[in-house]
Amino acid sequence: MSEQEWYFDTASGEVTQGKTSGWDNRMGPYASREEAAHALEIARERTKAAEEWDED
């Protein structure tokens, strides 16, 4: 585990450095605090891209 990695905690909505919550509430790792703060937006974008790919 690298302490340089950032995570988004879906239960609390907080960004944390390192694995501080269980896997079921943790999104990441991300390279920066800012990137982790946008975890839900990133997930939405990836889901949309995957759905578009599936339609093709």
Protein backbone atom coordinates (compact mmCIF):
# COMPACT_ATOMS: atom_id res chain seq x y z
CA MET A 1 0.00 0.00 0.00
CA SER A 2 1.28 3.40 -0.89
CA GLU A 3 0.50 6.38 1.32
CA GLN A 4 0.69 8.44 -1.88
CA GLU A 5 -2.64 7.00 -3.03
CA TRP A 6 -5.91 8.83 -2.46
CA TYR A 7 -9.38 7.35 -2.03
CA PHE A 8 -12.98 8.53 -1.96
CA ASP A 9 -15.14 7.18 0.86
CA THR A 10 -18.69 6.79 -0.49
CA ALA A 11 -20.19 6.45 3.01
CA SER A 12 -18.82 9.73 4.36
CA GLY A 13 -18.09 11.62 1.14
CA GLU A 14 -14.56 12.30 2.36
CA VAL A 15 -11.27 12.03 0.52
CA THR A 16 -8.63 10.10 2.43
CA GLN A 17 -4.98 9.35 1.94
CA GLY A 18 -4.32 5.64 2.20
CA LYS A 19 -6.84 2.87 2.81
CA THR A 20 -8.78 4.09 5.83
CA SER A 21 -12.16 2.50 5.09
CA GLY A 22 -13.37 -0.90 3.98
CA TRP A 23 -13.41 -1.91 0.32
CA ASP A 24 -17.21 -1.64 0.13
CA ASN A 25 -17.09 2.14 0.76
CA ARG A 26 -13.81 2.95 -0.98
CA MET A 27 -13.22 4.18 -4.54
CA GLY A 28 -9.69 4.41 -5.83
CA PRO A 29 -6.80 4.58 -5.72
CA TYR A 30 -6.31 7.95 -7.35
CA ALA A 31 -3.03 9.76 -7.94
CA SER A 32 -4.11 13.03 -6.31
CA ARG A 33 -6.52 14.42 -3.74
CA GLU A 34 -8.29 16.42 -6.45
CA GLU A 35 -8.80 13.35 -8.63
CA ALA A 36 -10.23 11.41 -5.66
CA ALA A 37 -12.59 14.31 -4.91
CA HIS A 38 -14.06 13.82 -8.40
CA ALA A 39 -14.39 10.04 -8.06
CA LEU A 40 -18.15 9.99 -8.63
CA GLU A 41 -17.87 12.18 -11.75
CA ILE A 42 -15.09 9.97 -13.10
CA ALA A 43 -17.21 6.86 -12.46
CA ARG A 44 -20.20 8.43 -14.26
CA GLU A 45 -18.02 9.31 -17.27
CA ARG A 46 -16.57 5.80 -17.42
CA THR A 47 -20.02 4.23 -17.15
CA LYS A 48 -21.34 6.44 -19.94
CA ALA A 49 -18.38 5.54 -22.18
CA ALA A 50 -18.88 1.84 -21.47
CA GLU A 51 -22.59 2.07 -22.26
CA GLU A 52 -21.86 3.86 -25.53
CA TRP A 53 -19.28 1.20 -26.41
CA ASP A 54 -21.84 -1.54 -25.66
CA GLU A 55 -24.38 0.12 -27.96
CA ASP A 56 -21.90 0.04 -30.85
